[in-house]
């Protein structure tokens, strides 16, 4: 029996819920799940998105803009983590005595409404593995509910509303958000130095993952990642390992890399061959990701032959090496990579795909990360043939570090930087030739530069 919290009780007693920032990638799937459970929802947002259109199609009224009267008649207000505390709707809710709840608390409460919650955590690969597991379970007829950090092409959404007792949930470690969730299976992909402005030390980061893993009944952990194994060592849980070596419980054997750097292998469980898997998404890291997804799905009843079919059909989650188009022989892709390790595996995958040149357009995200991991960024950004930098996206931070993209650029031979996406698009379209790959990278809004590039390439053609 999962322990109930005050958030659970608030959600259970509510009928009319207003959601501030309802169109965000983290809010949209929660809105869909709440709607399916009979709650009467309203929402507000500042930006028109495809997600908002999907929400309106469910019959949920959405107001553009944040106004105090939007919360009138609500008995609970759920707000995105991006919403500031002086937001007029939050202020109005508090003045009226309406309970408020940040999005992660609502997600945590929802996880306690399912008997089988798969919580996918790790510094890298969460969205891809969550999406892989979801696709396998859907196509196996297991009808899961899911909350994913990127769009699943199979559904065109950040989430899935199912009717079984299985939930797949991307579980983010930032500011210990995932500790509000209640997983039954913890899938631990890797632990790497990130969000150090919050965690301060790697040991403190590992302790958070230990706490998350300890909240589950079973842990499926990357047996080839030393930090992950450290985090689960000594836990009184059922521990299963996955990886690419035969000392893991689930592992890839006879790995072969083929066209466009995609791999195939025999999926093994304790020396027994379950099936042969071909992965359609490129990169060596996606072999490990797919083993994790296959093992998790297998534990919940997905047949091996369907696991193989679904992983072959899986072409990636939104913004995860997403091919946006090919114009005049020039391929344009976009990827969410923002940590040096993610950049390293993504750029190595791109360099192994047979393109004439790889032009990487990177938007650093947060000043603290750029400063703390500066040398690692310098190292990995020398992998592609050409690097173009945008200015740093500060997000929630003020630049007290006095760090700029020009500082990175000075350390990268041949690199250039620009202060607008328009200038970036002009530069790369002038440089690119047939056979090249242009890939935008970063977790901010650098995808807008990719769209501008496509637009300009089409105009040239």
Protein backbone atom coordinates (compact mmCIF):
# COMPACT_ATOMS: atom_id res chain seq x y z
CA UNK A 1 0.00 0.00 0.00
CA UNK A 2 1.50 3.35 -1.05
CA UNK A 3 1.64 6.03 1.64
CA UNK A 4 -0.82 8.85 1.02
CA UNK A 5 0.33 12.47 1.24
CA UNK A 6 -1.43 15.81 1.66
CA UNK A 7 -1.18 16.24 -2.14
CA UNK A 8 -3.01 12.94 -2.62
CA UNK A 9 -5.79 14.06 -0.29
CA UNK A 10 -6.09 17.44 -2.00
CA UNK A 11 -6.33 15.82 -5.42
CA UNK A 12 -8.84 13.22 -4.19
CA UNK A 13 -11.14 15.90 -2.77
CA UNK A 14 -10.98 18.25 -5.76
CA UNK A 15 -13.56 18.44 -8.55
CA UNK A 16 -12.78 21.68 -10.42
CA UNK A 17 -9.05 22.12 -11.18
CA UNK A 18 -7.41 25.09 -12.86
CA UNK A 19 -3.99 24.49 -14.43
CA UNK A 20 -1.57 27.41 -14.96
CA UNK A 21 0.72 26.74 -17.91
CA UNK A 22 -1.48 23.87 -19.09
CA UNK A 23 0.19 23.64 -22.50
CA UNK A 24 3.68 22.87 -21.18
CA UNK A 25 5.28 19.51 -21.91
CA UNK A 26 5.07 18.52 -18.24
CA UNK A 27 1.53 19.83 -17.68
CA UNK A 28 -0.15 18.57 -20.84
CA UNK A 29 -0.03 14.82 -20.01
CA UNK A 30 -1.18 15.47 -16.44
CA UNK A 31 -4.15 17.40 -17.82
CA UNK A 32 -5.04 14.49 -20.11
CA UNK A 33 -4.86 11.98 -17.24
CA UNK A 34 -6.93 14.15 -14.89
CA UNK A 35 -9.52 14.74 -17.61
CA UNK A 36 -9.81 10.99 -18.23
CA UNK A 37 -10.48 10.52 -14.51
CA UNK A 38 -13.47 12.82 -14.53
CA UNK A 39 -12.04 16.07 -13.19
CA UNK A 40 -13.45 19.32 -14.58
CA UNK A 41 -10.47 21.28 -15.84
CA UNK A 42 -9.73 24.80 -16.99
CA UNK A 43 -6.34 26.11 -18.03
CA UNK A 44 -4.31 29.13 -19.00
CA UNK A 45 -1.12 29.71 -20.92
CA UNK A 46 0.84 32.45 -22.65
CA UNK A 47 1.88 30.58 -25.80
CA UNK A 48 -0.12 28.85 -28.49
CA UNK A 49 1.16 25.31 -29.03
CA UNK A 50 0.06 22.03 -30.58
CA UNK A 51 -0.47 20.79 -27.03
CA UNK A 52 -3.03 23.52 -26.37
CA UNK A 53 -4.97 22.50 -29.46
CA UNK A 54 -5.08 18.89 -28.24
CA UNK A 55 -6.28 20.09 -24.83
CA UNK A 56 -9.06 22.15 -26.41
CA UNK A 57 -10.11 19.12 -28.47
CA UNK A 58 -10.81 17.35 -25.15
CA UNK A 59 -13.29 20.12 -24.32
CA UNK A 60 -11.03 21.79 -21.73
CA UNK A 61 -11.45 25.61 -21.80
CA UNK A 62 -8.11 27.45 -22.14
CA UNK A 63 -7.54 31.16 -21.59
CA UNK A 64 -4.60 32.86 -23.29
CA UNK A 65 -2.90 34.97 -20.64
CA UNK A 66 -2.84 34.83 -16.85
CA UNK A 67 -5.63 36.75 -15.11
CA UNK A 68 -6.84 36.66 -11.48
CA UNK A 69 -10.40 35.70 -12.46
CA UNK A 70 -9.22 32.53 -14.25
CA UNK A 71 -9.10 30.66 -10.93
CA UNK A 72 -12.63 31.65 -9.84
CA UNK A 73 -14.75 28.59 -9.02
CA UNK A 74 -11.75 26.25 -8.72
CA UNK A 75 -11.14 24.11 -5.66
CA UNK A 76 -7.52 23.32 -6.63
CA UNK A 77 -4.90 25.12 -8.73
CA UNK A 78 -1.99 23.16 -10.26
CA UNK A 79 0.86 25.20 -11.68
CA UNK A 80 3.95 24.53 -13.78
CA UNK A 81 7.39 24.82 -12.16
CA UNK A 82 8.06 27.66 -14.61
CA UNK A 83 5.33 29.82 -13.02
CA UNK A 84 6.63 32.58 -10.74
CA UNK A 85 5.17 32.97 -7.26
CA UNK A 86 3.85 36.47 -8.08
CA UNK A 87 1.78 35.11 -10.99
CA UNK A 88 -1.63 36.86 -10.77
CA UNK A 89 -3.52 33.57 -10.83
CA UNK A 90 -1.46 32.11 -7.97
CA UNK A 91 -1.88 35.33 -6.00
CA UNK A 92 -5.64 35.25 -6.60
CA UNK A 93 -5.90 31.58 -5.57
CA UNK A 94 -4.12 32.25 -2.28
CA UNK A 95 -6.26 35.32 -1.60
CA UNK A 96 -9.39 33.22 -2.12
CA UNK A 97 -8.07 30.34 0.00
CA UNK A 98 -7.91 27.93 -2.97
CA UNK A 99 -5.22 25.23 -2.43
CA UNK A 100 -2.30 25.34 -4.88
CA UNK A 101 0.00 22.53 -5.96
CA UNK A 102 3.18 22.57 -8.05
CA UNK A 103 3.09 20.15 -10.98
CA UNK A 104 5.50 17.57 -9.50
CA UNK A 105 3.26 17.06 -6.45
CA UNK A 106 0.30 16.38 -8.74
CA UNK A 107 2.34 13.87 -10.74
CA UNK A 108 3.44 12.21 -7.51
CA UNK A 109 -0.16 11.89 -6.39
CA UNK A 110 -1.10 10.33 -9.72
CA UNK A 111 1.64 7.70 -9.42
CA UNK A 112 -0.05 6.49 -6.24
CA UNK A 113 -3.20 5.75 -8.23
CA UNK A 114 -1.50 2.98 -10.22
CA UNK A 115 -0.47 -0.47 -9.01
CA UNK A 116 2.52 -0.74 -11.35
CA UNK A 117 4.57 2.43 -11.87
CA UNK A 118 7.76 2.27 -13.93
CA UNK A 119 9.92 5.25 -12.91
CA UNK A 120 12.69 5.91 -15.44
CA UNK A 121 15.52 7.97 -13.93
CA UNK A 122 19.10 8.89 -14.76
CA UNK A 123 21.14 11.88 -15.86
CA UNK A 124 20.88 10.95 -19.55
CA UNK A 125 18.43 9.01 -21.72
CA UNK A 126 15.27 9.27 -19.60
CA UNK A 127 13.00 10.52 -22.38
CA UNK A 128 14.23 8.00 -24.95
CA UNK A 129 13.87 5.01 -22.62
CA UNK A 130 10.49 6.16 -21.26
CA UNK A 131 9.26 6.54 -24.84
CA UNK A 132 10.68 3.14 -25.86
CA UNK A 133 9.00 1.36 -22.93
CA UNK A 134 5.70 3.11 -23.62
CA UNK A 135 5.72 2.14 -27.30
CA UNK A 136 6.52 -1.49 -26.50
CA UNK A 137 3.75 -1.71 -23.88
CA UNK A 138 1.19 -0.04 -26.16
CA UNK A 139 1.99 -2.32 -29.07
CA UNK A 140 1.92 -5.33 -26.73
CA UNK A 141 -1.68 -4.49 -25.83
CA UNK A 142 -0.79 -3.66 -22.22
CA UNK A 143 -2.54 -0.24 -22.43
CA UNK A 144 -0.24 1.88 -20.21
CA UNK A 145 -0.60 5.45 -19.03
CA UNK A 146 2.57 7.46 -19.60
CA UNK A 147 4.20 10.80 -18.87
CA UNK A 148 7.15 11.48 -21.19
CA UNK A 149 9.54 14.43 -21.47
CA UNK A 150 9.36 14.47 -25.27
CA UNK A 151 6.76 13.67 -27.90
CA UNK A 152 6.23 10.00 -28.68
CA UNK A 153 5.78 9.86 -32.49
CA UNK A 154 3.43 6.87 -32.11
CA UNK A 155 0.87 9.11 -30.36
CA UNK A 156 2.08 12.63 -31.19
CA UNK A 157 1.88 13.53 -27.51
CA UNK A 158 3.95 13.90 -24.35
CA UNK A 159 1.75 11.39 -22.60
CA UNK A 160 -0.66 8.51 -22.99
CA UNK A 161 -3.93 7.86 -21.22
CA UNK A 162 -4.33 4.11 -20.78
CA UNK A 163 -6.81 1.95 -18.93
CA UNK A 164 -4.55 -0.61 -17.25
CA UNK A 165 -2.85 -0.37 -13.85
CA UNK A 166 0.55 0.30 -15.51
CA UNK A 167 2.07 3.79 -15.60
CA UNK A 168 5.39 4.73 -17.22
CA UNK A 169 6.79 7.93 -15.78
CA UNK A 170 9.91 9.91 -16.70
CA UNK A 171 11.44 10.74 -13.33
CA UNK A 172 13.67 13.81 -13.20
CA UNK A 173 16.26 14.35 -10.49
CA UNK A 174 16.39 18.15 -10.80
CA UNK A 175 15.87 19.70 -7.31
CA UNK A 176 14.88 16.18 -6.15
CA UNK A 177 11.60 16.33 -8.09
CA UNK A 178 11.50 12.55 -8.52
CA UNK A 179 11.37 11.99 -4.77
CA UNK A 180 7.71 13.04 -4.90
CA UNK A 181 6.92 10.00 -7.08
CA UNK A 182 6.14 6.45 -5.97
CA UNK A 183 7.66 3.93 -8.41
CA UNK A 184 7.24 0.17 -8.22
CA UNK A 185 10.06 -0.45 -10.70
CA UNK A 186 12.97 2.00 -10.72
CA UNK A 187 14.88 1.97 -14.02
CA UNK A 188 18.23 3.65 -13.26
CA UNK A 189 20.10 4.49 -16.47
CA UNK A 190 23.19 6.38 -15.30
CA UNK A 191 24.42 9.03 -12.87
CA UNK A 192 26.66 11.84 -14.03
CA UNK A 193 27.64 15.23 -12.61
CA UNK A 194 24.75 17.60 -13.40
CA UNK A 195 22.66 20.19 -11.57
CA UNK A 196 25.66 20.77 -9.35
CA UNK A 197 24.34 24.22 -8.45
CA UNK A 198 21.73 22.28 -6.44
CA UNK A 199 23.40 19.00 -5.45
CA UNK A 200 26.88 20.53 -4.87
CA UNK A 201 28.65 17.13 -4.84
CA UNK A 202 28.44 13.89 -6.79
CA UNK A 203 27.92 12.05 -3.49
CA UNK A 204 24.86 14.13 -2.70
CA UNK A 205 23.50 13.49 -6.21
CA UNK A 206 24.03 9.73 -5.79
CA UNK A 207 22.22 9.84 -2.44
CA UNK A 208 19.13 11.23 -4.15
CA UNK A 209 19.16 8.39 -6.67
CA UNK A 210 19.61 5.94 -3.78
CA UNK A 211 16.54 7.38 -2.10
CA UNK A 212 14.50 7.15 -5.31
CA UNK A 213 15.58 3.55 -5.93
CA UNK A 214 14.82 2.65 -2.33
CA UNK A 215 11.22 3.82 -2.78
CA UNK A 216 10.64 1.10 -5.42
CA UNK A 217 10.05 -2.63 -4.99
CA UNK A 218 12.43 -3.62 -7.80
CA UNK A 219 15.42 -1.81 -9.28
CA UNK A 220 16.65 -2.30 -12.85
CA UNK A 221 20.06 -0.65 -12.92
CA UNK A 222 22.81 -0.09 -15.48
CA UNK A 223 25.39 -2.68 -14.50
CA UNK A 224 28.01 -0.92 -16.62
CA UNK A 225 27.69 2.43 -14.84
CA UNK A 226 29.82 2.65 -11.71
CA UNK A 227 27.93 5.56 -10.14
CA UNK A 228 24.58 3.81 -10.59
CA UNK A 229 25.87 0.60 -9.06
CA UNK A 230 27.26 2.60 -6.12
CA UNK A 231 23.85 4.19 -5.60
CA UNK A 232 22.00 0.87 -5.26
CA UNK A 233 24.67 -1.07 -3.39
CA UNK A 234 23.33 -2.38 -0.09
CA UNK A 235 19.66 -1.69 -0.83
CA UNK A 236 17.29 -4.35 0.50
CA UNK A 237 15.51 -4.62 -2.85
CA UNK A 238 15.30 -6.95 -5.79
CA UNK A 239 18.15 -5.66 -7.96
CA UNK A 240 18.39 -6.55 -11.64
CA UNK A 241 21.10 -5.25 -13.96
CA UNK A 242 21.13 -4.38 -17.64
CA UNK A 243 23.97 -3.44 -19.95
CA UNK A 244 26.20 -4.56 -22.78
CA UNK A 245 28.33 -7.09 -20.92
CA UNK A 246 27.46 -10.66 -19.99
CA UNK A 247 27.86 -10.06 -16.25
CA UNK A 248 24.53 -8.15 -16.38
CA UNK A 249 21.18 -9.94 -16.01
CA UNK A 250 19.83 -8.45 -19.26
CA UNK A 251 22.48 -7.70 -21.86
CA UNK A 252 23.20 -7.17 -25.53
CA UNK A 253 25.30 -9.89 -27.16
CA UNK A 254 26.86 -9.98 -30.64
CA UNK A 255 26.43 -6.21 -31.19
CA UNK A 256 26.81 -5.07 -34.80
CA UNK A 257 26.59 -1.48 -36.09
CA UNK A 258 25.18 -0.91 -39.53
CA UNK A 259 23.85 1.84 -41.75
CA UNK A 260 23.58 5.30 -40.16
CA UNK A 261 25.28 3.97 -37.00
CA UNK A 262 22.21 2.00 -35.87
CA UNK A 263 22.90 -1.26 -34.08
CA UNK A 264 21.53 -4.76 -33.71
CA UNK A 265 22.16 -7.48 -31.15
CA UNK A 266 20.83 -10.56 -29.39
CA UNK A 267 18.89 -9.66 -26.24
CA UNK A 268 19.98 -12.03 -23.48
CA UNK A 269 18.66 -12.77 -20.01
CA UNK A 270 21.10 -14.66 -17.78
CA UNK A 271 22.65 -16.42 -20.75
CA UNK A 272 19.34 -17.21 -22.48
CA UNK A 273 18.57 -15.54 -25.83
CA UNK A 274 15.19 -13.79 -25.76
CA UNK A 275 15.16 -12.30 -29.26
CA UNK A 276 17.19 -10.46 -31.89
CA UNK A 277 16.82 -6.69 -31.75
CA UNK A 278 17.50 -4.09 -34.41
CA UNK A 279 17.53 -0.50 -33.16
CA UNK A 280 16.52 2.27 -35.58
CA UNK A 281 17.89 5.19 -33.53
CA UNK A 282 21.65 5.80 -33.97
CA UNK A 283 24.46 5.66 -31.45
CA UNK A 284 26.10 3.17 -29.11
CA UNK A 285 24.26 4.69 -26.14
CA UNK A 286 20.97 3.60 -27.68
CA UNK A 287 22.02 -0.05 -27.47
CA UNK A 288 22.13 0.29 -23.68
CA UNK A 289 18.93 2.38 -23.70
CA UNK A 290 17.09 -0.24 -25.71
CA UNK A 291 18.26 -3.08 -23.42
CA UNK A 292 16.88 -1.12 -20.44
CA UNK A 293 13.55 -0.57 -22.21
CA UNK A 294 13.33 -4.18 -23.37
CA UNK A 295 14.05 -5.51 -19.88
CA UNK A 296 11.47 -3.24 -18.22
CA UNK A 297 8.80 -4.14 -20.76
CA UNK A 298 9.62 -7.84 -20.47
CA UNK A 299 9.18 -7.64 -16.69
CA UNK A 300 5.66 -6.34 -17.26
CA UNK A 301 4.63 -9.01 -19.72
CA UNK A 302 5.64 -7.77 -23.18
CA UNK A 303 6.52 -10.77 -25.40
CA UNK A 304 10.08 -10.81 -26.82
CA UNK A 305 8.91 -10.82 -30.44
CA UNK A 306 6.84 -7.67 -29.84
CA UNK A 307 9.72 -6.01 -28.00
CA UNK A 308 11.88 -6.56 -31.09
CA UNK A 309 9.18 -5.27 -33.46
CA UNK A 310 8.51 -2.14 -31.38
CA UNK A 311 12.18 -1.21 -31.01
CA UNK A 312 12.66 -1.57 -34.76
CA UNK A 313 9.64 0.70 -35.32
CA UNK A 314 10.78 3.27 -32.74
CA UNK A 315 12.37 6.21 -34.56
CA UNK A 316 13.10 8.36 -31.52
CA UNK A 317 11.26 10.74 -29.23
CA UNK A 318 10.78 14.39 -30.10
CA UNK A 319 14.03 16.39 -29.97
CA UNK A 320 16.11 13.22 -29.57
CA UNK A 321 18.17 13.12 -32.78
CA UNK A 322 14.96 14.08 -34.55
CA UNK A 323 15.42 14.37 -38.31
CA UNK A 324 13.46 17.50 -39.27
CA UNK A 325 14.05 17.38 -42.99
CA UNK A 326 16.37 16.91 -45.95
CA UNK A 327 16.56 19.79 -48.42
CA UNK A 328 18.88 19.75 -51.42
CA UNK A 329 20.85 16.85 -49.95
CA UNK A 330 21.40 18.68 -46.63
CA UNK A 331 19.95 16.92 -43.56
CA UNK A 332 18.69 18.99 -40.64
CA UNK A 333 18.27 17.37 -37.21
CA UNK A 334 17.57 18.52 -33.66
CA UNK A 335 18.60 17.04 -30.33
CA UNK A 336 17.98 17.88 -26.67
CA UNK A 337 21.57 17.17 -25.61
CA UNK A 338 22.84 19.85 -23.20
CA UNK A 339 25.24 18.06 -20.83
CA UNK A 340 28.77 17.28 -22.09
CA UNK A 341 28.18 13.51 -21.83
CA UNK A 342 24.98 13.80 -23.89
CA UNK A 343 26.75 15.97 -26.44
CA UNK A 344 29.59 13.47 -26.64
CA UNK A 345 27.41 10.45 -27.40
CA UNK A 346 25.16 12.39 -29.79
CA UNK A 347 28.03 13.97 -31.72
CA UNK A 348 29.93 10.68 -31.90
CA UNK A 349 26.78 9.04 -33.25
CA UNK A 350 26.41 11.81 -35.83
CA UNK A 351 30.06 11.53 -36.90
CA UNK A 352 29.60 7.79 -37.46
CA UNK A 353 26.60 8.15 -39.76
CA UNK A 354 28.50 8.76 -42.98
CA UNK A 355 27.69 12.43 -43.60
CA UNK A 356 30.15 14.55 -45.57
CA UNK A 357 30.40 17.00 -42.67
CA UNK A 358 28.64 17.49 -39.34
CA UNK A 359 27.81 21.11 -38.48
CA UNK A 360 26.79 21.31 -34.81
CA UNK A 361 24.80 24.31 -33.58
CA UNK A 362 24.87 24.38 -29.78
CA UNK A 363 22.97 26.53 -27.30
CA UNK A 364 24.55 26.27 -23.82
CA UNK A 365 21.90 26.07 -21.08
CA UNK A 366 22.41 27.86 -17.73
CA UNK A 367 25.45 29.82 -16.71
CA UNK A 368 26.25 27.54 -13.77
CA UNK A 369 26.46 24.41 -15.91
CA UNK A 370 28.59 26.19 -18.51
CA UNK A 371 31.06 27.33 -15.84
CA UNK A 372 31.15 24.11 -13.82
CA UNK A 373 31.58 21.84 -16.85
CA UNK A 374 33.51 24.28 -19.06
CA UNK A 375 36.49 22.02 -19.81
CA UNK A 376 34.19 19.11 -20.66
CA UNK A 377 32.23 21.33 -23.07
CA UNK A 378 35.48 22.40 -24.74
CA UNK A 379 36.54 18.77 -25.14
CA UNK A 380 33.31 17.39 -26.64
CA UNK A 381 32.55 20.36 -28.87
CA UNK A 382 35.71 19.52 -30.83
CA UNK A 383 34.11 16.27 -32.06
CA UNK A 384 32.11 17.67 -35.03
CA UNK A 385 33.58 19.22 -38.17
CA UNK A 386 32.17 22.67 -37.42
CA UNK A 387 30.70 24.24 -34.27
CA UNK A 388 28.37 27.22 -34.18
CA UNK A 389 27.32 28.62 -30.80
CA UNK A 390 24.35 30.71 -29.77
CA UNK A 391 24.48 32.83 -26.65
CA UNK A 392 23.89 30.97 -23.36
CA UNK A 393 20.26 30.52 -22.38
CA UNK A 394 20.23 31.52 -18.71
CA UNK A 395 16.72 30.24 -17.95
CA UNK A 396 16.18 30.56 -14.20
CA UNK A 397 19.64 32.05 -13.55
CA UNK A 398 21.27 35.49 -13.49
CA UNK A 399 24.74 35.66 -15.05
CA UNK A 400 26.67 36.30 -11.85
CA UNK A 401 29.35 33.97 -13.29
CA UNK A 402 30.23 36.41 -16.12
CA UNK A 403 30.38 33.52 -18.58
CA UNK A 404 29.54 33.91 -22.27
CA UNK A 405 29.52 31.73 -25.37
CA UNK A 406 32.44 33.80 -26.65
CA UNK A 407 34.51 32.26 -23.82
CA UNK A 408 33.78 28.78 -25.18
CA UNK A 409 34.32 29.90 -28.74
CA UNK A 410 37.85 31.12 -27.95
CA UNK A 411 38.80 27.57 -26.91
CA UNK A 412 37.34 25.85 -29.99
CA UNK A 413 39.39 25.99 -33.22
CA UNK A 414 37.25 27.23 -36.11
CA UNK A 415 34.15 27.82 -33.98
CA UNK A 416 31.90 30.86 -34.41
CA UNK A 417 29.12 32.34 -32.30
CA UNK A 418 26.17 34.61 -33.02
CA UNK A 419 23.72 36.57 -30.90
CA UNK A 420 20.58 35.60 -32.83
CA UNK A 421 19.06 32.51 -34.44
CA UNK A 422 18.57 34.50 -37.65
CA UNK A 423 22.32 35.09 -37.94
CA UNK A 424 23.02 31.43 -37.10
CA UNK A 425 20.63 30.26 -39.82
CA UNK A 426 22.16 32.62 -42.37
CA UNK A 427 25.66 31.35 -41.56
CA UNK A 428 24.99 27.61 -41.61
CA UNK A 429 22.86 27.71 -44.76
CA UNK A 430 25.68 29.56 -46.51
CA UNK A 431 28.22 26.99 -45.30
CA UNK A 432 26.27 23.75 -45.78
CA UNK A 433 26.63 21.59 -48.88
CA UNK A 434 24.87 18.43 -50.10
CA UNK A 435 25.80 15.47 -47.91
CA UNK A 436 26.15 17.59 -44.76
CA UNK A 437 24.27 17.19 -41.48
CA UNK A 438 23.24 20.32 -39.58
CA UNK A 439 22.25 19.40 -36.02
CA UNK A 440 20.98 21.83 -33.40
CA UNK A 441 21.69 20.85 -29.80
CA UNK A 442 20.41 22.07 -26.43
CA UNK A 443 17.45 21.86 -24.09
CA UNK A 444 16.34 25.47 -24.60
CA UNK A 445 14.74 26.92 -27.73
CA UNK A 446 17.56 26.21 -30.21
CA UNK A 447 15.09 24.10 -32.23
CA UNK A 448 13.81 27.44 -33.54
CA UNK A 449 17.15 27.89 -35.29
CA UNK A 450 16.71 24.49 -36.96
CA UNK A 451 13.30 25.56 -38.27
CA UNK A 452 14.80 28.78 -39.62
CA UNK A 453 17.54 26.77 -41.34
CA UNK A 454 14.95 24.57 -43.05
CA UNK A 455 13.00 27.65 -44.14
CA UNK A 456 16.09 29.30 -45.62
CA UNK A 457 17.25 26.12 -47.36
CA UNK A 458 13.87 25.81 -49.01
CA UNK A 459 14.03 29.43 -50.14
CA UNK A 460 17.45 28.78 -51.64
CA UNK A 461 16.20 25.70 -53.46
